[in-house]
PDB file of N, CA and C in Angstrom:
ATOM      1  N   UNK A   1     186.037 125.973  93.392  1.00  0.00           N
ATOM      2  CA  UNK A   1     186.707 125.648  92.166  1.00  0.00           C
ATOM      3  C   UNK A   1     185.882 126.298  90.959  1.00  0.00           C
ATOM      4  N   UNK A   2     186.626 126.809  90.051  1.00  0.00           N
ATOM      5  CA  UNK A   2     185.997 127.384  88.881  1.00  0.00           C
ATOM      6  C   UNK A   2     185.539 126.275  87.953  1.00  0.00           C
ATOM      7  N   UNK A   3     184.411 126.469  87.379  1.00  0.00           N
ATOM      8  CA  UNK A   3     183.843 125.428  86.493  1.00  0.00           C
ATOM      9  C   UNK A   3     184.598 125.485  85.112  1.00  0.00           C
ATOM     10  N   UNK A   4     184.836 124.288  84.570  1.00  0.00           N
ATOM     11  CA  UNK A   4     185.341 124.245  83.192  1.00  0.00           C
ATOM     12  C   UNK A   4     186.841 124.357  83.015  1.00  0.00           C
ATOM     13  N   UNK A   5     187.643 124.554  84.099  1.00  0.00           N
ATOM     14  CA  UNK A   5     189.047 124.675  83.959  1.00  0.00           C
ATOM     15  C   UNK A   5     189.808 123.423  84.485  1.00  0.00           C
ATOM     16  N   UNK A   6     189.194 122.549  85.189  1.00  0.00           N
ATOM     17  CA  UNK A   6     189.832 121.403  85.761  1.00  0.00           C
ATOM     18  C   UNK A   6     189.576 120.145  84.932  1.00  0.00           C
ATOM     19  N   UNK A   7     190.603 119.294  84.802  1.00  0.00           N
ATOM     20  CA  UNK A   7     190.407 118.034  84.068  1.00  0.00           C
ATOM     21  C   UNK A   7     189.394 117.115  84.773  1.00  0.00           C
ATOM     22  N   UNK A   8     188.783 116.293  84.030  1.00  0.00           N
ATOM     23  CA  UNK A   8     187.832 115.339  84.612  1.00  0.00           C
ATOM     24  C   UNK A   8     188.532 114.287  85.480  1.00  0.00           C
ATOM     25  N   UNK A   9     188.097 114.096  86.691  1.00  0.00           N
ATOM     26  CA  UNK A   9     188.666 113.075  87.597  1.00  0.00           C
ATOM     27  C   UNK A   9     187.763 111.898  87.486  1.00  0.00           C
ATOM     28  N   UNK A  10     188.333 110.726  87.160  1.00  0.00           N
ATOM     29  CA  UNK A  10     187.546 109.506  86.979  1.00  0.00           C
ATOM     30  C   UNK A  10     188.378 108.272  87.353  1.00  0.00           C
ATOM     31  N   UNK A  11     187.734 107.125  87.388  1.00  0.00           N
ATOM     32  CA  UNK A  11     188.410 105.904  87.640  1.00  0.00           C
ATOM     33  C   UNK A  11     189.077 105.377  86.405  1.00  0.00           C
ATOM     34  N   UNK A  12     190.328 104.932  86.460  1.00  0.00           N
ATOM     35  CA  UNK A  12     191.010 104.358  85.272  1.00  0.00           C
ATOM     36  C   UNK A  12     191.796 103.118  85.744  1.00  0.00           C
ATOM     37  N   UNK A  13     192.091 102.261  84.817  1.00  0.00           N
ATOM     38  CA  UNK A  13     192.889 101.047  85.106  1.00  0.00           C
ATOM     39  C   UNK A  13     194.304 101.262  84.569  1.00  0.00           C
ATOM     40  N   UNK A  14     195.257 101.106  85.488  1.00  0.00           N
ATOM     41  CA  UNK A  14     196.700 101.190  85.087  1.00  0.00           C
ATOM     42  C   UNK A  14     197.225  99.774  84.895  1.00  0.00           C
ATOM     43  N   UNK A  15     197.932  99.524  83.806  1.00  0.00           N
ATOM     44  CA  UNK A  15     198.501  98.235  83.523  1.00  0.00           C
ATOM     45  C   UNK A  15     199.989  98.304  83.394  1.00  0.00           C
ATOM     46  N   UNK A  16     200.748  97.500  84.164  1.00  0.00           N
ATOM     47  CA  UNK A  16     202.196  97.382  84.010  1.00  0.00           C
ATOM     48  C   UNK A  16     202.515  96.586  82.831  1.00  0.00           C
ATOM     49  N   UNK A  17     203.188  97.194  81.888  1.00  0.00           N
ATOM     50  CA  UNK A  17     203.473  96.531  80.556  1.00  0.00           C
ATOM     51  C   UNK A  17     204.449  95.324  80.776  1.00  0.00           C
ATOM     52  N   UNK A  18     205.305  95.408  81.715  1.00  0.00           N
ATOM     53  CA  UNK A  18     206.324  94.354  81.885  1.00  0.00           C
ATOM     54  C   UNK A  18     205.773  93.091  82.562  1.00  0.00           C
ATOM     55  N   UNK A  19     204.805  93.240  83.488  1.00  0.00           N
ATOM     56  CA  UNK A  19     204.276  92.126  84.293  1.00  0.00           C
ATOM     57  C   UNK A  19     202.820  91.816  83.950  1.00  0.00           C
ATOM     58  N   UNK A  20     202.094  92.768  83.416  1.00  0.00           N
ATOM     59  CA  UNK A  20     200.660  92.572  83.155  1.00  0.00           C
ATOM     60  C   UNK A  20     199.747  92.903  84.320  1.00  0.00           C
ATOM     61  N   UNK A  21     200.390  93.309  85.484  1.00  0.00           N
ATOM     62  CA  UNK A  21     199.620  93.635  86.683  1.00  0.00           C
ATOM     63  C   UNK A  21     198.733  94.834  86.388  1.00  0.00           C
ATOM     64  N   UNK A  22     197.471  94.759  86.861  1.00  0.00           N
ATOM     65  CA  UNK A  22     196.513  95.906  86.648  1.00  0.00           C
ATOM     66  C   UNK A  22     195.955  96.312  87.991  1.00  0.00           C
ATOM     67  N   UNK A  23     195.701  97.605  88.121  1.00  0.00           N
ATOM     68  CA  UNK A  23     194.967  98.121  89.300  1.00  0.00           C
ATOM     69  C   UNK A  23     194.130  99.300  88.928  1.00  0.00           C
ATOM     70  N   UNK A  24     193.074  99.492  89.657  1.00  0.00           N
ATOM     71  CA  UNK A  24     192.086 100.541  89.442  1.00  0.00           C
ATOM     72  C   UNK A  24     192.333 101.636  90.418  1.00  0.00           C
ATOM     73  N   UNK A  25     192.416 102.848  89.789  1.00  0.00           N
ATOM     74  CA  UNK A  25     192.703 104.032  90.696  1.00  0.00           C
ATOM     75  C   UNK A  25     191.981 105.310  90.039  1.00  0.00           C
ATOM     76  N   UNK A  26     191.918 106.352  90.808  1.00  0.00           N
ATOM     77  CA  UNK A  26     191.362 107.562  90.303  1.00  0.00           C
ATOM     78  C   UNK A  26     192.462 108.401  89.653  1.00  0.00           C
ATOM     79  N   UNK A  27     192.140 109.022  88.551  1.00  0.00           N
ATOM     80  CA  UNK A  27     193.113 109.824  87.824  1.00  0.00           C
ATOM     81  C   UNK A  27     192.495 110.850  86.865  1.00  0.00           C
ATOM     82  N   UNK A  28     193.244 111.827  86.458  1.00  0.00           N
ATOM     83  CA  UNK A  28     192.785 112.750  85.433  1.00  0.00           C
ATOM     84  C   UNK A  28     193.360 112.406  84.095  1.00  0.00           C
ATOM     85  N   UNK A  29     194.193 111.321  83.991  1.00  0.00           N
ATOM     86  CA  UNK A  29     194.782 110.919  82.694  1.00  0.00           C
ATOM     87  C   UNK A  29     193.639 110.517  81.761  1.00  0.00           C
ATOM     88  N   UNK A  30     193.935 110.700  80.436  1.00  0.00           N
ATOM     89  CA  UNK A  30     192.979 110.434  79.435  1.00  0.00           C
ATOM     90  C   UNK A  30     193.489 109.332  78.518  1.00  0.00           C
ATOM     91  N   UNK A  31     192.658 108.419  78.076  1.00  0.00           N
ATOM     92  CA  UNK A  31     193.045 107.345  77.202  1.00  0.00           C
ATOM     93  C   UNK A  31     191.860 106.953  76.340  1.00  0.00           C
ATOM     94  N   UNK A  32     192.121 106.722  75.032  1.00  0.00           N
ATOM     95  CA  UNK A  32     191.064 106.229  74.158  1.00  0.00           C
ATOM     96  C   UNK A  32     190.790 104.725  74.373  1.00  0.00           C
ATOM     97  N   UNK A  33     191.882 104.002  74.823  1.00  0.00           N
ATOM     98  CA  UNK A  33     191.777 102.602  75.027  1.00  0.00           C
ATOM     99  C   UNK A  33     191.011 102.248  76.330  1.00  0.00           C
ATOM    100  N   UNK A  34     190.069 101.296  76.284  1.00  0.00           N
ATOM    101  CA  UNK A  34     189.366 100.929  77.426  1.00  0.00           C
ATOM    102  C   UNK A  34     189.487  99.452  77.747  1.00  0.00           C
ATOM    103  N   UNK A  35     189.106  99.073  78.990  1.00  0.00           N
ATOM    104  CA  UNK A  35     189.222  97.656  79.376  1.00  0.00           C
ATOM    105  C   UNK A  35     188.070  97.371  80.331  1.00  0.00           C
ATOM    106  N   UNK A  36     187.553  96.152  80.283  1.00  0.00           N
ATOM    107  CA  UNK A  36     186.457  95.790  81.164  1.00  0.00           C
ATOM    108  C   UNK A  36     187.091  95.256  82.498  1.00  0.00           C
ATOM    109  N   UNK A  37     186.696  95.888  83.587  1.00  0.00           N
ATOM    110  CA  UNK A  37     187.278  95.504  84.883  1.00  0.00           C
ATOM    111  C   UNK A  37     186.469  94.409  85.509  1.00  0.00           C
ATOM    112  N   UNK A  38     186.958  93.852  86.690  1.00  0.00           N
ATOM    113  CA  UNK A  38     186.315  92.747  87.351  1.00  0.00           C
ATOM    114  C   UNK A  38     184.896  93.040  87.760  1.00  0.00           C
ATOM    115  N   UNK A  39     184.571  94.267  87.984  1.00  0.00           N
ATOM    116  CA  UNK A  39     183.216  94.623  88.419  1.00  0.00           C
ATOM    117  C   UNK A  39     182.239  94.667  87.270  1.00  0.00           C
ATOM    118  N   UNK A  40     182.702  94.472  86.017  1.00  0.00           N
ATOM    119  CA  UNK A  40     181.821  94.441  84.860  1.00  0.00           C
ATOM    120  C   UNK A  40     181.789  95.833  84.109  1.00  0.00           C
ATOM    121  N   UNK A  41     182.326  96.843  84.696  1.00  0.00           N
ATOM    122  CA  UNK A  41     182.332  98.173  84.109  1.00  0.00           C
ATOM    123  C   UNK A  41     183.533  98.388  83.173  1.00  0.00           C
ATOM    124  N   UNK A  42     183.397  99.248  82.246  1.00  0.00           N
ATOM    125  CA  UNK A  42     184.457  99.541  81.332  1.00  0.00           C
ATOM    126  C   UNK A  42     185.194 100.847  81.751  1.00  0.00           C
ATOM    127  N   UNK A  43     186.494 100.776  81.805  1.00  0.00           N
ATOM    128  CA  UNK A  43     187.300 101.975  82.276  1.00  0.00           C
ATOM    129  C   UNK A  43     188.386 102.236  81.284  1.00  0.00           C
ATOM    130  N   UNK A  44     188.875 103.489  81.224  1.00  0.00           N
ATOM    131  CA  UNK A  44     189.988 103.813  80.383  1.00  0.00           C
ATOM    132  C   UNK A  44     191.244 102.942  80.853  1.00  0.00           C
ATOM    133  N   UNK A  45     192.124 102.597  79.959  1.00  0.00           N
ATOM    134  CA  UNK A  45     193.354 101.838  80.274  1.00  0.00           C
ATOM    135  C   UNK A  45     194.575 102.735  79.990  1.00  0.00           C
ATOM    136  N   UNK A  46     195.431 102.893  81.030  1.00  0.00           N
ATOM    137  CA  UNK A  46     196.663 103.581  80.932  1.00  0.00           C
ATOM    138  C   UNK A  46     197.829 102.544  81.109  1.00  0.00           C
ATOM    139  N   UNK A  47     198.644 102.432  80.151  1.00  0.00           N
ATOM    140  CA  UNK A  47     199.803 101.519  80.255  1.00  0.00           C
ATOM    141  C   UNK A  47     201.009 102.227  80.808  1.00  0.00           C
ATOM    142  N   UNK A  48     201.630 101.595  81.824  1.00  0.00           N
ATOM    143  CA  UNK A  48     202.780 102.180  82.461  1.00  0.00           C
ATOM    144  C   UNK A  48     203.958 101.180  82.367  1.00  0.00           C
ATOM    145  N   UNK A  49     205.189 101.708  82.313  1.00  0.00           N
ATOM    146  CA  UNK A  49     206.290 100.820  82.185  1.00  0.00           C
ATOM    147  C   UNK A  49     206.750 100.179  83.514  1.00  0.00           C
ATOM    148  N   UNK A  50     206.478 100.819  84.624  1.00  0.00           N
ATOM    149  CA  UNK A  50     206.862 100.319  85.885  1.00  0.00           C
ATOM    150  C   UNK A  50     205.804 100.576  86.965  1.00  0.00           C
ATOM    151  N   UNK A  51     205.588  99.655  87.861  1.00  0.00           N
ATOM    152  CA  UNK A  51     204.651  99.807  88.918  1.00  0.00           C
ATOM    153  C   UNK A  51     205.210  99.150  90.181  1.00  0.00           C
ATOM    154  N   UNK A  52     204.447  99.099  91.243  1.00  0.00           N
ATOM    155  CA  UNK A  52     204.912  98.446  92.449  1.00  0.00           C
ATOM    156  C   UNK A  52     205.126  96.922  92.189  1.00  0.00           C
ATOM    157  N   UNK A  53     204.524  96.384  91.185  1.00  0.00           N
ATOM    158  CA  UNK A  53     204.662  94.944  90.923  1.00  0.00           C
ATOM    159  C   UNK A  53     206.007  94.648  90.255  1.00  0.00           C
ATOM    160  N   UNK A  54     206.622  95.647  89.576  1.00  0.00           N
ATOM    161  CA  UNK A  54     207.875  95.412  88.846  1.00  0.00           C
ATOM    162  C   UNK A  54     209.074  96.230  89.329  1.00  0.00           C
ATOM    163  N   UNK A  55     208.814  97.156  90.196  1.00  0.00           N
ATOM    164  CA  UNK A  55     209.867  98.103  90.676  1.00  0.00           C
ATOM    165  C   UNK A  55     210.778  97.288  91.599  1.00  0.00           C
ATOM    166  N   UNK A  56     212.133  97.408  91.410  1.00  0.00           N
ATOM    167  CA  UNK A  56     213.092  96.653  92.290  1.00  0.00           C
ATOM    168  C   UNK A  56     212.938  96.950  93.753  1.00  0.00           C
ATOM    169  N   UNK A  57     212.559  98.167  94.114  1.00  0.00           N
ATOM    170  CA  UNK A  57     212.434  98.482  95.596  1.00  0.00           C
ATOM    171  C   UNK A  57     211.318  97.651  96.206  1.00  0.00           C
ATOM    172  N   UNK A  58     210.229  97.495  95.523  1.00  0.00           N
ATOM    173  CA  UNK A  58     209.053  96.768  96.095  1.00  0.00           C
ATOM    174  C   UNK A  58     209.165  95.224  95.874  1.00  0.00           C
ATOM    175  N   UNK A  59     209.885  94.803  94.885  1.00  0.00           N
ATOM    176  CA  UNK A  59     209.998  93.378  94.673  1.00  0.00           C
ATOM    177  C   UNK A  59     211.122  92.693  95.468  1.00  0.00           C
ATOM    178  N   UNK A  60     212.021  93.540  96.048  1.00  0.00           N
ATOM    179  CA  UNK A  60     213.121  92.966  96.814  1.00  0.00           C
ATOM    180  C   UNK A  60     214.299  92.568  95.948  1.00  0.00           C
ATOM    181  N   UNK A  61     214.290  92.875  94.677  1.00  0.00           N
ATOM    182  CA  UNK A  61     215.375  92.477  93.753  1.00  0.00           C
ATOM    183  C   UNK A  61     216.312  93.651  93.474  1.00  0.00           C
ATOM    184  N   UNK A  62     216.340  94.521  94.424  1.00  0.00           N
ATOM    185  CA  UNK A  62     217.214  95.722  94.311  1.00  0.00           C
ATOM    186  C   UNK A  62     218.650  95.330  94.441  1.00  0.00           C
ATOM    187  N   UNK A  63     219.491  95.901  93.630  1.00  0.00           N
ATOM    188  CA  UNK A  63     220.935  95.597  93.647  1.00  0.00           C
ATOM    189  C   UNK A  63     221.609  96.691  94.482  1.00  0.00           C
ATOM    190  N   UNK A  64     222.539  96.256  95.329  1.00  0.00           N
ATOM    191  CA  UNK A  64     223.242  97.234  96.219  1.00  0.00           C
ATOM    192  C   UNK A  64     224.735  97.202  95.760  1.00  0.00           C
ATOM    193  N   UNK A  65     225.231  98.362  95.447  1.00  0.00           N
ATOM    194  CA  UNK A  65     226.617  98.445  95.102  1.00  0.00           C
ATOM    195  C   UNK A  65     227.425  98.476  96.371  1.00  0.00           C
ATOM    196  N   UNK A  66     228.561  97.805  96.357  1.00  0.00           N
ATOM    197  CA  UNK A  66     229.514  97.753  97.494  1.00  0.00           C
ATOM    198  C   UNK A  66     230.176  99.180  97.632  1.00  0.00           C
ATOM    199  N   UNK A  67     230.048  99.692  98.803  1.00  0.00           N
ATOM    200  CA  UNK A  67     230.661 101.060  99.046  1.00  0.00           C
ATOM    201  C   UNK A  67     232.061 100.876  99.594  1.00  0.00           C
ATOM    202  N   UNK A  68     232.999 100.822  98.635  1.00  0.00           N
ATOM    203  CA  UNK A  68     234.451 100.712  98.996  1.00  0.00           C
ATOM    204  C   UNK A  68     234.923 102.034  99.494  1.00  0.00           C
ATOM    205  N   UNK A  69     235.871 101.981 100.378  1.00  0.00           N
ATOM    206  CA  UNK A  69     236.534 103.178 100.847  1.00  0.00           C
ATOM    207  C   UNK A  69     237.582 103.610  99.818  1.00  0.00           C
ATOM    208  N   UNK A  70     238.172 104.758 100.185  1.00  0.00           N
ATOM    209  CA  UNK A  70     239.222 105.343  99.266  1.00  0.00           C
ATOM    210  C   UNK A  70     240.422 104.463  99.133  1.00  0.00           C
ATOM    211  N   UNK A  71     240.884 103.902 100.279  1.00  0.00           N
ATOM    212  CA  UNK A  71     242.032 102.997 100.228  1.00  0.00           C
ATOM    213  C   UNK A  71     241.776 101.755  99.449  1.00  0.00           C
ATOM    214  N   UNK A  72     240.654 101.150  99.633  1.00  0.00           N
ATOM    215  CA  UNK A  72     240.263  99.936  98.905  1.00  0.00           C
ATOM    216  C   UNK A  72     240.214 100.284  97.381  1.00  0.00           C
ATOM    217  N   UNK A  73     239.689 101.349  97.012  1.00  0.00           N
ATOM    218  CA  UNK A  73     239.622 101.705  95.586  1.00  0.00           C
ATOM    219  C   UNK A  73     240.999 101.921  95.006  1.00  0.00           C
ATOM    220  N   UNK A  74     241.905 102.515  95.782  1.00  0.00           N
ATOM    221  CA  UNK A  74     243.261 102.730  95.333  1.00  0.00           C
ATOM    222  C   UNK A  74     243.960 101.400  95.121  1.00  0.00           C
ATOM    223  N   UNK A  75     243.837 100.487  96.088  1.00  0.00           N
ATOM    224  CA  UNK A  75     244.457  99.146  96.015  1.00  0.00           C
ATOM    225  C   UNK A  75     243.900  98.343  94.817  1.00  0.00           C
ATOM    226  N   UNK A  76     242.622  98.475  94.589  1.00  0.00           N
ATOM    227  CA  UNK A  76     241.994  97.725  93.482  1.00  0.00           C
ATOM    228  C   UNK A  76     242.456  98.363  92.161  1.00  0.00           C
ATOM    229  N   UNK A  77     242.610  99.662  92.084  1.00  0.00           N
ATOM    230  CA  UNK A  77     242.999 100.359  90.800  1.00  0.00           C
ATOM    231  C   UNK A  77     244.435  99.919  90.458  1.00  0.00           C
ATOM    232  N   UNK A  78     245.327  99.838  91.420  1.00  0.00           N
ATOM    233  CA  UNK A  78     246.714  99.518  91.139  1.00  0.00           C
ATOM    234  C   UNK A  78     247.125  98.073  91.415  1.00  0.00           C
ATOM    235  N   UNK A  79     246.120  97.215  91.692  1.00  0.00           N
ATOM    236  CA  UNK A  79     246.366  95.842  91.854  1.00  0.00           C
ATOM    237  C   UNK A  79     247.162  95.493  93.072  1.00  0.00           C
ATOM    238  N   UNK A  80     247.057  96.244  94.128  1.00  0.00           N
ATOM    239  CA  UNK A  80     247.807  96.019  95.369  1.00  0.00           C
ATOM    240  C   UNK A  80     246.993  95.139  96.295  1.00  0.00           C
ATOM    241  N   UNK A  81     247.639  94.298  97.060  1.00  0.00           N
ATOM    242  CA  UNK A  81     246.962  93.428  98.028  1.00  0.00           C
ATOM    243  C   UNK A  81     247.013  94.051  99.399  1.00  0.00           C
ATOM    244  N   UNK A  82     246.070  93.718 100.222  1.00  0.00           N
ATOM    245  CA  UNK A  82     246.025  94.288 101.592  1.00  0.00           C
ATOM    246  C   UNK A  82     247.164  93.749 102.488  1.00  0.00           C
TER     247      UNK A  82
END
């Protein structure tokens, strides 16, 4: 690796803004805002809109659209009964 061209890799805290869930991870993201973590150290804080704590795929609150066939859509469009 060339010196001086890579961003600094360090530990940062990511916080889900919708649920308040926080987790510590390694990243090159930069933030002026800091937070004290459970281990007593201060880390940069990165706020994210969605994480595994709020994403529908991971929470099981995912909505599934009914996959109607062509005939069912035609009948529904023109108000026909089966």
